[in-house]
């Protein structure tokens, strides 16, 4: 019986520790209150169900003579490269431990029902693993309209006011773009925009300013061909942040794919006062749509009257700037554009 208690003790601790790692990631990294509570409740349940024999488990614990300790210390397979790998490894650890408790309990007289309770916990963890990994997956740009701020063409409204209207209109991806304010001014308003986009479940991309994206914990950053190299940007922002890269030619698009960006900007499609690059036209857009698997956003001079041509060329995500920011009724304008896309 001593060995049975050692097995149960080791696996209760192993399961609880694995769950605790994921719980703290949800609590401090993702700040998800609901999932944190679910994981905490499950962790407490893991220990509670063997509470009646807790004194036996503690009395028979013998960590100093555990032959598995040396094996673990010599192993190199526990190296992790990102948050998702940590989550996966610790769910695996917890699930395997729960399975051991479940099977061993069923062999001990009077503990068959305890084993069945751990079976229930195991299935609960399967579902929680799916929920947490879905949360950990990096956000991406959404299909439909990609909104971009431009305060000097916003009819006297602030970027915060415009973004609030974009969200109200149902836009799911917003890029904060500002060229004429001090960094302090950008930080103050971008922080507010991050709060309202996060609350609404809207993906927020920051244009150019990597440090600002990091400071406000944006979902991503968008850089141009003459900005920071993508490799360096990835080193700075990590694996969980979206990186978008502007492209203006077939060669740049193909290179962007090699660099591993999360999406590319394709444009300017038409003449525009908000871009300094020469117009690339519908032909380049068609090339990307047919030859590039990486998600992309069409941009540049796109208006309500020509958006169907852009959609027909293969664009699923389409950026509109002044057509939205200058509109007196942003919600009404977006609704009209969406009807054309449908």
C-alpha atoms as a PDB file:
ATOM      1  CA  UNK A   1       0.000   0.000   0.000  1.00  0.00           C
ATOM      2  CA  UNK A   2       2.961   2.316   0.678  1.00  0.00           C
ATOM      3  CA  UNK A   3       3.901   2.312  -3.007  1.00  0.00           C
ATOM      4  CA  UNK A   4       0.310   3.047  -4.016  1.00  0.00           C
ATOM      5  CA  UNK A   5       0.315   6.105  -1.761  1.00  0.00           C
ATOM      6  CA  UNK A   6       3.605   7.270  -3.277  1.00  0.00           C
ATOM      7  CA  UNK A   7       2.156   6.989  -6.772  1.00  0.00           C
ATOM      8  CA  UNK A   8      -0.973   8.918  -5.808  1.00  0.00           C
ATOM      9  CA  UNK A   9       0.999  11.593  -3.949  1.00  0.00           C
ATOM     10  CA  UNK A  10       3.431  12.165  -6.822  1.00  0.00           C
ATOM     11  CA  UNK A  11       0.661  12.463  -9.370  1.00  0.00           C
ATOM     12  CA  UNK A  12      -1.591  14.723  -7.318  1.00  0.00           C
ATOM     13  CA  UNK A  13       1.337  17.125  -6.986  1.00  0.00           C
ATOM     14  CA  UNK A  14       2.240  16.760 -10.652  1.00  0.00           C
ATOM     15  CA  UNK A  15      -1.320  17.460 -11.803  1.00  0.00           C
ATOM     16  CA  UNK A  16      -1.802  20.435  -9.483  1.00  0.00           C
ATOM     17  CA  UNK A  17       1.543  21.958 -10.489  1.00  0.00           C
ATOM     18  CA  UNK A  18       0.774  21.600 -14.200  1.00  0.00           C
ATOM     19  CA  UNK A  19      -2.629  23.222 -13.793  1.00  0.00           C
ATOM     20  CA  UNK A  20      -1.122  26.021 -11.679  1.00  0.00           C
ATOM     21  CA  UNK A  21       1.335  26.966 -14.432  1.00  0.00           C
ATOM     22  CA  UNK A  22      -1.492  27.348 -16.965  1.00  0.00           C
ATOM     23  CA  UNK A  23      -3.663  29.105 -14.371  1.00  0.00           C
ATOM     24  CA  UNK A  24      -1.012  31.773 -13.793  1.00  0.00           C
ATOM     25  CA  UNK A  25      -0.522  32.274 -17.537  1.00  0.00           C
ATOM     26  CA  UNK A  26      -4.262  32.910 -17.879  1.00  0.00           C
ATOM     27  CA  UNK A  27      -4.227  35.162 -14.836  1.00  0.00           C
ATOM     28  CA  UNK A  28      -1.176  37.322 -15.477  1.00  0.00           C
ATOM     29  CA  UNK A  29      -0.426  36.984 -19.207  1.00  0.00           C
ATOM     30  CA  UNK A  30      -3.892  36.823 -20.767  1.00  0.00           C
ATOM     31  CA  UNK A  31      -5.749  38.405 -17.821  1.00  0.00           C
ATOM     32  CA  UNK A  32      -8.723  36.115 -18.422  1.00  0.00           C
ATOM     33  CA  UNK A  33     -10.737  35.994 -15.217  1.00  0.00           C
ATOM     34  CA  UNK A  34     -13.161  33.241 -16.250  1.00  0.00           C
ATOM     35  CA  UNK A  35     -10.510  30.761 -17.363  1.00  0.00           C
ATOM     36  CA  UNK A  36      -8.351  31.539 -14.342  1.00  0.00           C
ATOM     37  CA  UNK A  37     -11.281  30.662 -12.060  1.00  0.00           C
ATOM     38  CA  UNK A  38     -12.071  27.444 -13.952  1.00  0.00           C
ATOM     39  CA  UNK A  39      -8.465  26.307 -13.687  1.00  0.00           C
ATOM     40  CA  UNK A  40      -8.213  27.240 -10.009  1.00  0.00           C
ATOM     41  CA  UNK A  41     -11.416  25.348  -9.204  1.00  0.00           C
ATOM     42  CA  UNK A  42     -10.130  22.290 -11.079  1.00  0.00           C
ATOM     43  CA  UNK A  43      -6.774  22.443  -9.284  1.00  0.00           C
ATOM     44  CA  UNK A  44      -8.532  22.581  -5.907  1.00  0.00           C
ATOM     45  CA  UNK A  45     -10.684  19.616  -6.933  1.00  0.00           C
ATOM     46  CA  UNK A  46      -7.585  17.562  -7.789  1.00  0.00           C
ATOM     47  CA  UNK A  47      -6.359  17.863  -4.202  1.00  0.00           C
ATOM     48  CA  UNK A  48      -9.772  17.825  -2.505  1.00  0.00           C
ATOM     49  CA  UNK A  49     -10.760  14.397  -3.857  1.00  0.00           C
ATOM     50  CA  UNK A  50      -7.868  12.702  -2.025  1.00  0.00           C
ATOM     51  CA  UNK A  51      -8.142  14.832   1.102  1.00  0.00           C
ATOM     52  CA  UNK A  52      -9.364  11.882   3.189  1.00  0.00           C
ATOM     53  CA  UNK A  53      -6.063  10.020   2.666  1.00  0.00           C
ATOM     54  CA  UNK A  54      -3.857  13.116   2.612  1.00  0.00           C
ATOM     55  CA  UNK A  55      -2.074  12.066   5.812  1.00  0.00           C
ATOM     56  CA  UNK A  56      -1.118   8.737   4.196  1.00  0.00           C
ATOM     57  CA  UNK A  57       0.238  10.496   1.117  1.00  0.00           C
ATOM     58  CA  UNK A  58       2.376  12.861   3.161  1.00  0.00           C
ATOM     59  CA  UNK A  59       3.680  10.152   5.491  1.00  0.00           C
ATOM     60  CA  UNK A  60       4.823   7.948   2.607  1.00  0.00           C
ATOM     61  CA  UNK A  61       6.372  10.695   0.477  1.00  0.00           C
ATOM     62  CA  UNK A  62      10.053   9.945  -0.245  1.00  0.00           C
ATOM     63  CA  UNK A  63      11.342  12.430  -2.817  1.00  0.00           C
ATOM     64  CA  UNK A  64      14.992  11.911  -1.914  1.00  0.00           C
ATOM     65  CA  UNK A  65      14.890   8.285  -3.126  1.00  0.00           C
ATOM     66  CA  UNK A  66      12.808   8.910  -6.251  1.00  0.00           C
ATOM     67  CA  UNK A  67      14.688   7.291  -9.159  1.00  0.00           C
ATOM     68  CA  UNK A  68      12.835   9.523 -11.629  1.00  0.00           C
ATOM     69  CA  UNK A  69      14.527  12.662 -10.258  1.00  0.00           C
ATOM     70  CA  UNK A  70      17.892  11.853 -11.870  1.00  0.00           C
ATOM     71  CA  UNK A  71      16.232  10.982 -15.186  1.00  0.00           C
ATOM     72  CA  UNK A  72      14.349  14.306 -15.234  1.00  0.00           C
ATOM     73  CA  UNK A  73      17.477  16.341 -14.391  1.00  0.00           C
ATOM     74  CA  UNK A  74      19.341  14.813 -17.327  1.00  0.00           C
ATOM     75  CA  UNK A  75      16.526  15.395 -19.825  1.00  0.00           C
ATOM     76  CA  UNK A  76      16.628  18.234 -22.370  1.00  0.00           C
ATOM     77  CA  UNK A  77      13.187  17.685 -23.908  1.00  0.00           C
ATOM     78  CA  UNK A  78      11.498  20.216 -21.612  1.00  0.00           C
ATOM     79  CA  UNK A  79      12.845  23.258 -23.484  1.00  0.00           C
ATOM     80  CA  UNK A  80      10.032  25.667 -24.471  1.00  0.00           C
ATOM     81  CA  UNK A  81      10.100  28.419 -27.076  1.00  0.00           C
ATOM     82  CA  UNK A  82       6.782  30.185 -26.523  1.00  0.00           C
ATOM     83  CA  UNK A  83       3.717  30.452 -24.301  1.00  0.00           C
ATOM     84  CA  UNK A  84       1.658  27.990 -26.350  1.00  0.00           C
ATOM     85  CA  UNK A  85       4.313  25.289 -25.876  1.00  0.00           C
ATOM     86  CA  UNK A  86       4.335  25.899 -22.113  1.00  0.00           C
ATOM     87  CA  UNK A  87       0.540  25.587 -22.001  1.00  0.00           C
ATOM     88  CA  UNK A  88       0.525  22.393 -24.062  1.00  0.00           C
ATOM     89  CA  UNK A  89       3.300  20.768 -22.012  1.00  0.00           C
ATOM     90  CA  UNK A  90       1.636  21.525 -18.692  1.00  0.00           C
ATOM     91  CA  UNK A  91      -1.785  20.323 -19.781  1.00  0.00           C
ATOM     92  CA  UNK A  92      -0.118  17.117 -20.970  1.00  0.00           C
ATOM     93  CA  UNK A  93       1.620  16.786 -17.624  1.00  0.00           C
ATOM     94  CA  UNK A  94      -1.621  17.329 -15.691  1.00  0.00           C
ATOM     95  CA  UNK A  95      -3.685  15.001 -17.890  1.00  0.00           C
ATOM     96  CA  UNK A  96      -1.174  12.160 -17.654  1.00  0.00           C
ATOM     97  CA  UNK A  97      -1.036  12.547 -13.874  1.00  0.00           C
ATOM     98  CA  UNK A  98      -4.832  12.557 -13.590  1.00  0.00           C
ATOM     99  CA  UNK A  99      -4.986   9.388 -15.686  1.00  0.00           C
ATOM    100  CA  UNK A 100      -2.565   7.658 -13.294  1.00  0.00           C
ATOM    101  CA  UNK A 101      -4.617   8.709 -10.258  1.00  0.00           C
ATOM    102  CA  UNK A 102      -7.791   7.563 -12.007  1.00  0.00           C
ATOM    103  CA  UNK A 103      -6.438   4.107 -12.833  1.00  0.00           C
ATOM    104  CA  UNK A 104      -4.651   3.498  -9.517  1.00  0.00           C
ATOM    105  CA  UNK A 105      -7.650   4.632  -7.455  1.00  0.00           C
ATOM    106  CA  UNK A 106      -9.891   2.088  -9.185  1.00  0.00           C
ATOM    107  CA  UNK A 107      -7.645  -0.726  -7.930  1.00  0.00           C
ATOM    108  CA  UNK A 108      -7.782   0.330  -4.275  1.00  0.00           C
ATOM    109  CA  UNK A 109     -10.584  -0.996  -2.135  1.00  0.00           C
ATOM    110  CA  UNK A 110     -13.172   1.676  -1.396  1.00  0.00           C
ATOM    111  CA  UNK A 111     -11.718   4.154  -3.934  1.00  0.00           C
ATOM    112  CA  UNK A 112     -13.442   3.094  -7.155  1.00  0.00           C
ATOM    113  CA  UNK A 113     -15.776   6.115  -7.096  1.00  0.00           C
ATOM    114  CA  UNK A 114     -12.783   8.364  -6.453  1.00  0.00           C
ATOM    115  CA  UNK A 115     -11.277   7.028  -9.657  1.00  0.00           C
ATOM    116  CA  UNK A 116     -14.468   7.901 -11.517  1.00  0.00           C
ATOM    117  CA  UNK A 117     -14.304  11.430 -10.095  1.00  0.00           C
ATOM    118  CA  UNK A 118     -10.802  11.818 -11.531  1.00  0.00           C
ATOM    119  CA  UNK A 119     -12.119  10.568 -14.854  1.00  0.00           C
ATOM    120  CA  UNK A 120     -14.536  13.507 -14.789  1.00  0.00           C
ATOM    121  CA  UNK A 121     -11.664  15.867 -13.977  1.00  0.00           C
ATOM    122  CA  UNK A 122      -9.715  14.493 -16.929  1.00  0.00           C
ATOM    123  CA  UNK A 123     -12.536  15.286 -19.335  1.00  0.00           C
ATOM    124  CA  UNK A 124     -12.897  18.724 -17.797  1.00  0.00           C
ATOM    125  CA  UNK A 125      -9.193  19.338 -18.484  1.00  0.00           C
ATOM    126  CA  UNK A 126      -9.555  18.246 -22.114  1.00  0.00           C
ATOM    127  CA  UNK A 127     -12.133  20.982 -22.607  1.00  0.00           C
ATOM    128  CA  UNK A 128     -10.087  23.560 -20.676  1.00  0.00           C
ATOM    129  CA  UNK A 129      -7.046  22.752 -22.807  1.00  0.00           C
ATOM    130  CA  UNK A 130      -9.022  23.620 -25.924  1.00  0.00           C
ATOM    131  CA  UNK A 131     -10.270  26.879 -24.372  1.00  0.00           C
ATOM    132  CA  UNK A 132      -6.846  28.018 -23.214  1.00  0.00           C
ATOM    133  CA  UNK A 133      -5.052  27.103 -26.438  1.00  0.00           C
ATOM    134  CA  UNK A 134      -7.690  28.959 -28.421  1.00  0.00           C
ATOM    135  CA  UNK A 135      -6.963  31.957 -26.204  1.00  0.00           C
ATOM    136  CA  UNK A 136      -3.215  31.559 -26.707  1.00  0.00           C
ATOM    137  CA  UNK A 137      -3.411  31.507 -30.476  1.00  0.00           C
ATOM    138  CA  UNK A 138      -2.187  34.730 -31.920  1.00  0.00           C
ATOM    139  CA  UNK A 139      -4.906  37.009 -33.205  1.00  0.00           C
ATOM    140  CA  UNK A 140      -5.037  37.733 -36.906  1.00  0.00           C
ATOM    141  CA  UNK A 141      -6.512  40.395 -39.135  1.00  0.00           C
ATOM    142  CA  UNK A 142     -10.180  39.809 -39.871  1.00  0.00           C
ATOM    143  CA  UNK A 143     -11.827  39.588 -43.252  1.00  0.00           C
ATOM    144  CA  UNK A 144     -13.900  42.610 -44.230  1.00  0.00           C
ATOM    145  CA  UNK A 145     -13.009  46.218 -43.533  1.00  0.00           C
ATOM    146  CA  UNK A 146      -9.651  47.077 -41.993  1.00  0.00           C
ATOM    147  CA  UNK A 147      -9.985  50.496 -40.358  1.00  0.00           C
ATOM    148  CA  UNK A 148      -7.087  52.957 -40.130  1.00  0.00           C
ATOM    149  CA  UNK A 149      -6.961  56.173 -38.108  1.00  0.00           C
ATOM    150  CA  UNK A 150      -5.968  59.500 -39.676  1.00  0.00           C
ATOM    151  CA  UNK A 151      -6.901  62.337 -37.369  1.00  0.00           C
ATOM    152  CA  UNK A 152      -6.125  65.233 -39.725  1.00  0.00           C
ATOM    153  CA  UNK A 153      -8.797  63.846 -42.063  1.00  0.00           C
ATOM    154  CA  UNK A 154     -11.398  63.043 -39.409  1.00  0.00           C
ATOM    155  CA  UNK A 155     -13.728  66.050 -39.514  1.00  0.00           C
ATOM    156  CA  UNK A 156     -12.380  67.458 -36.260  1.00  0.00           C
ATOM    157  CA  UNK A 157     -12.863  64.192 -34.355  1.00  0.00           C
ATOM    158  CA  UNK A 158     -10.117  62.550 -32.319  1.00  0.00           C
ATOM    159  CA  UNK A 159      -8.664  59.148 -33.187  1.00  0.00           C
ATOM    160  CA  UNK A 160     -10.352  57.783 -30.072  1.00  0.00           C
ATOM    161  CA  UNK A 161     -13.764  59.006 -31.254  1.00  0.00           C
ATOM    162  CA  UNK A 162     -13.225  57.594 -34.748  1.00  0.00           C
ATOM    163  CA  UNK A 163     -12.160  54.179 -33.434  1.00  0.00           C
ATOM    164  CA  UNK A 164     -15.194  54.078 -31.148  1.00  0.00           C
ATOM    165  CA  UNK A 165     -17.413  54.655 -34.199  1.00  0.00           C
ATOM    166  CA  UNK A 166     -15.528  52.012 -36.206  1.00  0.00           C
ATOM    167  CA  UNK A 167     -16.134  49.494 -33.439  1.00  0.00           C
ATOM    168  CA  UNK A 168     -19.796  50.472 -33.259  1.00  0.00           C
ATOM    169  CA  UNK A 169     -19.979  49.862 -37.017  1.00  0.00           C
ATOM    170  CA  UNK A 170     -18.673  46.308 -36.584  1.00  0.00           C
ATOM    171  CA  UNK A 171     -15.091  46.716 -37.838  1.00  0.00           C
ATOM    172  CA  UNK A 172     -12.947  43.948 -36.305  1.00  0.00           C
ATOM    173  CA  UNK A 173      -9.415  45.129 -37.157  1.00  0.00           C
ATOM    174  CA  UNK A 174      -8.160  48.665 -36.524  1.00  0.00           C
ATOM    175  CA  UNK A 175      -4.737  50.140 -37.213  1.00  0.00           C
ATOM    176  CA  UNK A 176      -3.594  53.061 -35.098  1.00  0.00           C
ATOM    177  CA  UNK A 177      -1.698  55.318 -37.487  1.00  0.00           C
ATOM    178  CA  UNK A 178      -0.520  58.756 -36.452  1.00  0.00           C
ATOM    179  CA  UNK A 179       2.269  60.799 -38.008  1.00  0.00           C
ATOM    180  CA  UNK A 180       1.840  64.277 -36.513  1.00  0.00           C
ATOM    181  CA  UNK A 181       1.792  63.898 -32.718  1.00  0.00           C
ATOM    182  CA  UNK A 182       4.451  63.628 -30.051  1.00  0.00           C
ATOM    183  CA  UNK A 183       5.132  60.178 -28.643  1.00  0.00           C
ATOM    184  CA  UNK A 184       3.508  61.166 -25.355  1.00  0.00           C
ATOM    185  CA  UNK A 185       0.333  62.243 -27.173  1.00  0.00           C
ATOM    186  CA  UNK A 186       0.293  59.020 -29.170  1.00  0.00           C
ATOM    187  CA  UNK A 187       0.808  56.923 -26.056  1.00  0.00           C
ATOM    188  CA  UNK A 188      -2.012  58.654 -24.168  1.00  0.00           C
ATOM    189  CA  UNK A 189      -4.607  58.133 -26.891  1.00  0.00           C
ATOM    190  CA  UNK A 190      -3.349  54.729 -28.053  1.00  0.00           C
ATOM    191  CA  UNK A 191      -3.684  53.470 -24.488  1.00  0.00           C
ATOM    192  CA  UNK A 192      -7.361  54.462 -24.498  1.00  0.00           C
ATOM    193  CA  UNK A 193      -7.850  52.898 -27.933  1.00  0.00           C
ATOM    194  CA  UNK A 194      -6.229  49.662 -26.659  1.00  0.00           C
ATOM    195  CA  UNK A 195      -8.719  49.578 -23.767  1.00  0.00           C
ATOM    196  CA  UNK A 196     -11.797  49.999 -25.960  1.00  0.00           C
ATOM    197  CA  UNK A 197     -10.611  47.597 -28.671  1.00  0.00           C
ATOM    198  CA  UNK A 198      -9.709  44.948 -26.102  1.00  0.00           C
ATOM    199  CA  UNK A 199     -13.102  45.252 -24.442  1.00  0.00           C
ATOM    200  CA  UNK A 200     -14.805  44.919 -27.838  1.00  0.00           C
ATOM    201  CA  UNK A 201     -12.645  41.997 -28.984  1.00  0.00           C
ATOM    202  CA  UNK A 202     -11.225  44.069 -31.843  1.00  0.00           C
ATOM    203  CA  UNK A 203      -7.698  43.420 -33.127  1.00  0.00           C
ATOM    204  CA  UNK A 204      -5.482  46.502 -32.718  1.00  0.00           C
ATOM    205  CA  UNK A 205      -2.425  47.031 -34.921  1.00  0.00           C
ATOM    206  CA  UNK A 206       0.021  49.897 -34.342  1.00  0.00           C
ATOM    207  CA  UNK A 207       1.645  51.424 -37.401  1.00  0.00           C
ATOM    208  CA  UNK A 208       5.462  51.861 -37.362  1.00  0.00           C
ATOM    209  CA  UNK A 209       5.970  52.430 -33.618  1.00  0.00           C
ATOM    210  CA  UNK A 210       7.123  49.082 -32.226  1.00  0.00           C
ATOM    211  CA  UNK A 211       7.815  50.548 -28.789  1.00  0.00           C
ATOM    212  CA  UNK A 212       4.300  51.968 -28.633  1.00  0.00           C
ATOM    213  CA  UNK A 213       2.777  48.614 -29.636  1.00  0.00           C
ATOM    214  CA  UNK A 214       4.691  46.932 -26.821  1.00  0.00           C
ATOM    215  CA  UNK A 215       3.841  49.605 -24.241  1.00  0.00           C
ATOM    216  CA  UNK A 216       0.091  49.439 -24.801  1.00  0.00           C
ATOM    217  CA  UNK A 217       0.120  45.667 -25.421  1.00  0.00           C
ATOM    218  CA  UNK A 218      -1.373  45.938 -28.900  1.00  0.00           C
ATOM    219  CA  UNK A 219      -2.198  42.789 -30.869  1.00  0.00           C
ATOM    220  CA  UNK A 220       0.265  43.654 -33.593  1.00  0.00           C
ATOM    221  CA  UNK A 221       2.542  46.092 -35.356  1.00  0.00           C
ATOM    222  CA  UNK A 222       2.680  47.099 -39.020  1.00  0.00           C
ATOM    223  CA  UNK A 223       5.966  48.162 -40.612  1.00  0.00           C
ATOM    224  CA  UNK A 224       7.008  49.456 -44.010  1.00  0.00           C
ATOM    225  CA  UNK A 225       9.781  48.452 -46.371  1.00  0.00           C
ATOM    226  CA  UNK A 226      12.072  51.164 -44.989  1.00  0.00           C
ATOM    227  CA  UNK A 227      11.343  50.501 -41.314  1.00  0.00           C
ATOM    228  CA  UNK A 228      12.883  47.989 -38.904  1.00  0.00           C
ATOM    229  CA  UNK A 229      13.836  44.612 -40.462  1.00  0.00           C
ATOM    230  CA  UNK A 230      11.150  41.997 -39.789  1.00  0.00           C
ATOM    231  CA  UNK A 231      13.621  39.666 -38.064  1.00  0.00           C
ATOM    232  CA  UNK A 232      14.516  42.357 -35.532  1.00  0.00           C
ATOM    233  CA  UNK A 233      10.859  43.257 -35.037  1.00  0.00           C
ATOM    234  CA  UNK A 234      10.083  39.615 -34.219  1.00  0.00           C
ATOM    235  CA  UNK A 235      12.940  39.512 -31.707  1.00  0.00           C
ATOM    236  CA  UNK A 236      11.470  42.553 -29.977  1.00  0.00           C
ATOM    237  CA  UNK A 237       7.755  41.700 -29.987  1.00  0.00           C
ATOM    238  CA  UNK A 238       7.952  37.920 -29.553  1.00  0.00           C
ATOM    239  CA  UNK A 239       5.879  35.172 -31.116  1.00  0.00           C
ATOM    240  CA  UNK A 240       2.455  36.247 -29.857  1.00  0.00           C
ATOM    241  CA  UNK A 241       2.282  39.607 -31.632  1.00  0.00           C
ATOM    242  CA  UNK A 242       1.087  40.034 -35.226  1.00  0.00           C
ATOM    243  CA  UNK A 243       3.554  41.529 -37.694  1.00  0.00           C
ATOM    244  CA  UNK A 244       2.290  43.134 -40.897  1.00  0.00           C
ATOM    245  CA  UNK A 245       4.559  44.343 -43.694  1.00  0.00           C
ATOM    246  CA  UNK A 246       3.723  46.740 -46.536  1.00  0.00           C
ATOM    247  CA  UNK A 247       4.589  45.461 -50.019  1.00  0.00           C
ATOM    248  CA  UNK A 248       4.506  47.206 -53.383  1.00  0.00           C
ATOM    249  CA  UNK A 249       5.793  44.579 -55.812  1.00  0.00           C
ATOM    250  CA  UNK A 250       5.778  40.854 -56.541  1.00  0.00           C
ATOM    251  CA  UNK A 251       9.374  40.570 -55.306  1.00  0.00           C
ATOM    252  CA  UNK A 252       8.522  42.223 -51.988  1.00  0.00           C
ATOM    253  CA  UNK A 253       5.483  40.000 -51.495  1.00  0.00           C
ATOM    254  CA  UNK A 254       7.492  36.824 -52.077  1.00  0.00           C
ATOM    255  CA  UNK A 255      10.218  38.055 -49.732  1.00  0.00           C
ATOM    256  CA  UNK A 256       7.604  38.862 -47.063  1.00  0.00           C
ATOM    257  CA  UNK A 257       6.458  35.240 -47.164  1.00  0.00           C
ATOM    258  CA  UNK A 258      10.039  34.050 -46.617  1.00  0.00           C
ATOM    259  CA  UNK A 259      10.366  36.433 -43.666  1.00  0.00           C
ATOM    260  CA  UNK A 260       7.336  34.809 -42.043  1.00  0.00           C
ATOM    261  CA  UNK A 261       5.172  37.893 -41.510  1.00  0.00           C
ATOM    262  CA  UNK A 262       1.601  37.304 -40.370  1.00  0.00           C
ATOM    263  CA  UNK A 263       0.056  39.424 -43.111  1.00  0.00           C
ATOM    264  CA  UNK A 264       1.123  41.780 -45.881  1.00  0.00           C
ATOM    265  CA  UNK A 265      -0.201  45.119 -47.042  1.00  0.00           C
ATOM    266  CA  UNK A 266      -0.833  45.245 -50.789  1.00  0.00           C
ATOM    267  CA  UNK A 267      -0.902  48.680 -52.364  1.00  0.00           C
ATOM    268  CA  UNK A 268      -1.456  51.429 -52.990  1.00  0.00           C
ATOM    269  CA  UNK A 269      -4.075  50.042 -55.365  1.00  0.00           C
ATOM    270  CA  UNK A 270      -5.260  53.484 -56.518  1.00  0.00           C
ATOM    271  CA  UNK A 271      -3.940  57.033 -56.267  1.00  0.00           C
ATOM    272  CA  UNK A 272      -4.003  58.300 -52.697  1.00  0.00           C
ATOM    273  CA  UNK A 273      -2.809  61.279 -50.696  1.00  0.00           C
ATOM    274  CA  UNK A 274      -2.053  59.126 -47.654  1.00  0.00           C
ATOM    275  CA  UNK A 275       0.687  56.989 -49.262  1.00  0.00           C
ATOM    276  CA  UNK A 276       4.076  58.042 -50.676  1.00  0.00           C
ATOM    277  CA  UNK A 277       4.498  55.031 -52.967  1.00  0.00           C
ATOM    278  CA  UNK A 278       3.551  54.794 -56.629  1.00  0.00           C
ATOM    279  CA  UNK A 279       0.230  53.130 -57.441  1.00  0.00           C
ATOM    280  CA  UNK A 280       0.600  49.368 -57.977  1.00  0.00           C
ATOM    281  CA  UNK A 281      -2.832  48.780 -59.511  1.00  0.00           C
ATOM    282  CA  UNK A 282      -5.243  45.865 -59.586  1.00  0.00           C
ATOM    283  CA  UNK A 283      -2.713  43.633 -61.393  1.00  0.00           C
ATOM    284  CA  UNK A 284      -0.451  43.353 -58.370  1.00  0.00           C
ATOM    285  CA  UNK A 285      -3.431  42.655 -56.134  1.00  0.00           C
ATOM    286  CA  UNK A 286      -4.532  39.844 -58.460  1.00  0.00           C
ATOM    287  CA  UNK A 287      -1.012  38.371 -58.395  1.00  0.00           C
ATOM    288  CA  UNK A 288      -0.992  38.267 -54.571  1.00  0.00           C
ATOM    289  CA  UNK A 289      -4.489  36.790 -54.410  1.00  0.00           C
ATOM    290  CA  UNK A 290      -3.520  33.973 -56.777  1.00  0.00           C
ATOM    291  CA  UNK A 291       0.033  33.249 -55.622  1.00  0.00           C
ATOM    292  CA  UNK A 292       0.442  34.184 -51.948  1.00  0.00           C
ATOM    293  CA  UNK A 293      -1.048  32.121 -49.105  1.00  0.00           C
ATOM    294  CA  UNK A 294      -0.160  34.648 -46.391  1.00  0.00           C
ATOM    295  CA  UNK A 295      -3.173  36.810 -45.404  1.00  0.00           C
ATOM    296  CA  UNK A 296      -3.121  40.263 -46.976  1.00  0.00           C
ATOM    297  CA  UNK A 297      -4.928  43.572 -46.809  1.00  0.00           C
ATOM    298  CA  UNK A 298      -5.567  45.678 -49.905  1.00  0.00           C
ATOM    299  CA  UNK A 299      -4.932  49.384 -49.306  1.00  0.00           C
ATOM    300  CA  UNK A 300      -4.619  52.721 -51.054  1.00  0.00           C
ATOM    301  CA  UNK A 301      -7.288  54.941 -52.587  1.00  0.00           C
ATOM    302  CA  UNK A 302     -10.057  52.432 -51.960  1.00  0.00           C
ATOM    303  CA  UNK A 303     -13.522  53.989 -51.744  1.00  0.00           C
ATOM    304  CA  UNK A 304     -17.129  52.893 -51.705  1.00  0.00           C
ATOM    305  CA  UNK A 305     -17.361  53.284 -55.494  1.00  0.00           C
ATOM    306  CA  UNK A 306     -14.378  51.014 -56.311  1.00  0.00           C
ATOM    307  CA  UNK A 307     -14.355  48.527 -53.436  1.00  0.00           C
ATOM    308  CA  UNK A 308     -16.231  45.874 -55.422  1.00  0.00           C
ATOM    309  CA  UNK A 309     -13.446  45.891 -58.029  1.00  0.00           C
ATOM    310  CA  UNK A 310     -10.924  45.282 -55.229  1.00  0.00           C
ATOM    311  CA  UNK A 311     -13.038  42.465 -53.838  1.00  0.00           C
ATOM    312  CA  UNK A 312     -13.415  40.927 -57.307  1.00  0.00           C
ATOM    313  CA  UNK A 313      -9.614  40.947 -57.685  1.00  0.00           C
ATOM    314  CA  UNK A 314      -9.371  38.612 -54.675  1.00  0.00           C
ATOM    315  CA  UNK A 315      -9.097  40.843 -51.606  1.00  0.00           C
ATOM    316  CA  UNK A 316     -10.882  39.568 -48.503  1.00  0.00           C
ATOM    317  CA  UNK A 317      -9.551  42.223 -46.130  1.00  0.00           C
ATOM    318  CA  UNK A 318      -9.742  45.777 -47.406  1.00  0.00           C
ATOM    319  CA  UNK A 319      -8.392  48.943 -45.789  1.00  0.00           C
ATOM    320  CA  UNK A 320     -10.263  52.199 -46.121  1.00  0.00           C
ATOM    321  CA  UNK A 321      -8.872  55.367 -44.606  1.00  0.00           C
ATOM    322  CA  UNK A 322     -10.404  58.760 -45.481  1.00  0.00           C
ATOM    323  CA  UNK A 323     -13.559  57.147 -46.888  1.00  0.00           C
ATOM    324  CA  UNK A 324     -14.340  56.219 -43.287  1.00  0.00           C
ATOM    325  CA  UNK A 325     -12.533  58.861 -41.208  1.00  0.00           C
ATOM    326  CA  UNK A 326     -14.020  61.756 -43.208  1.00  0.00           C
ATOM    327  CA  UNK A 327     -17.559  60.383 -43.217  1.00  0.00           C
ATOM    328  CA  UNK A 328     -20.042  62.440 -41.205  1.00  0.00           C
ATOM    329  CA  UNK A 329     -21.803  59.222 -40.228  1.00  0.00           C
ATOM    330  CA  UNK A 330     -19.119  56.555 -39.879  1.00  0.00           C
ATOM    331  CA  UNK A 331     -21.530  53.809 -38.861  1.00  0.00           C
ATOM    332  CA  UNK A 332     -23.837  54.573 -41.792  1.00  0.00           C
ATOM    333  CA  UNK A 333     -20.917  54.712 -44.243  1.00  0.00           C
ATOM    334  CA  UNK A 334     -19.539  51.356 -43.066  1.00  0.00           C
ATOM    335  CA  UNK A 335     -22.989  49.768 -43.333  1.00  0.00           C
ATOM    336  CA  UNK A 336     -23.270  50.926 -46.974  1.00  0.00           C
ATOM    337  CA  UNK A 337     -19.805  49.570 -47.790  1.00  0.00           C
ATOM    338  CA  UNK A 338     -20.541  46.228 -46.138  1.00  0.00           C
ATOM    339  CA  UNK A 339     -23.701  45.886 -48.217  1.00  0.00           C
ATOM    340  CA  UNK A 340     -21.609  46.343 -51.364  1.00  0.00           C
ATOM    341  CA  UNK A 341     -19.156  43.694 -50.205  1.00  0.00           C
ATOM    342  CA  UNK A 342     -22.000  41.269 -49.564  1.00  0.00           C
END
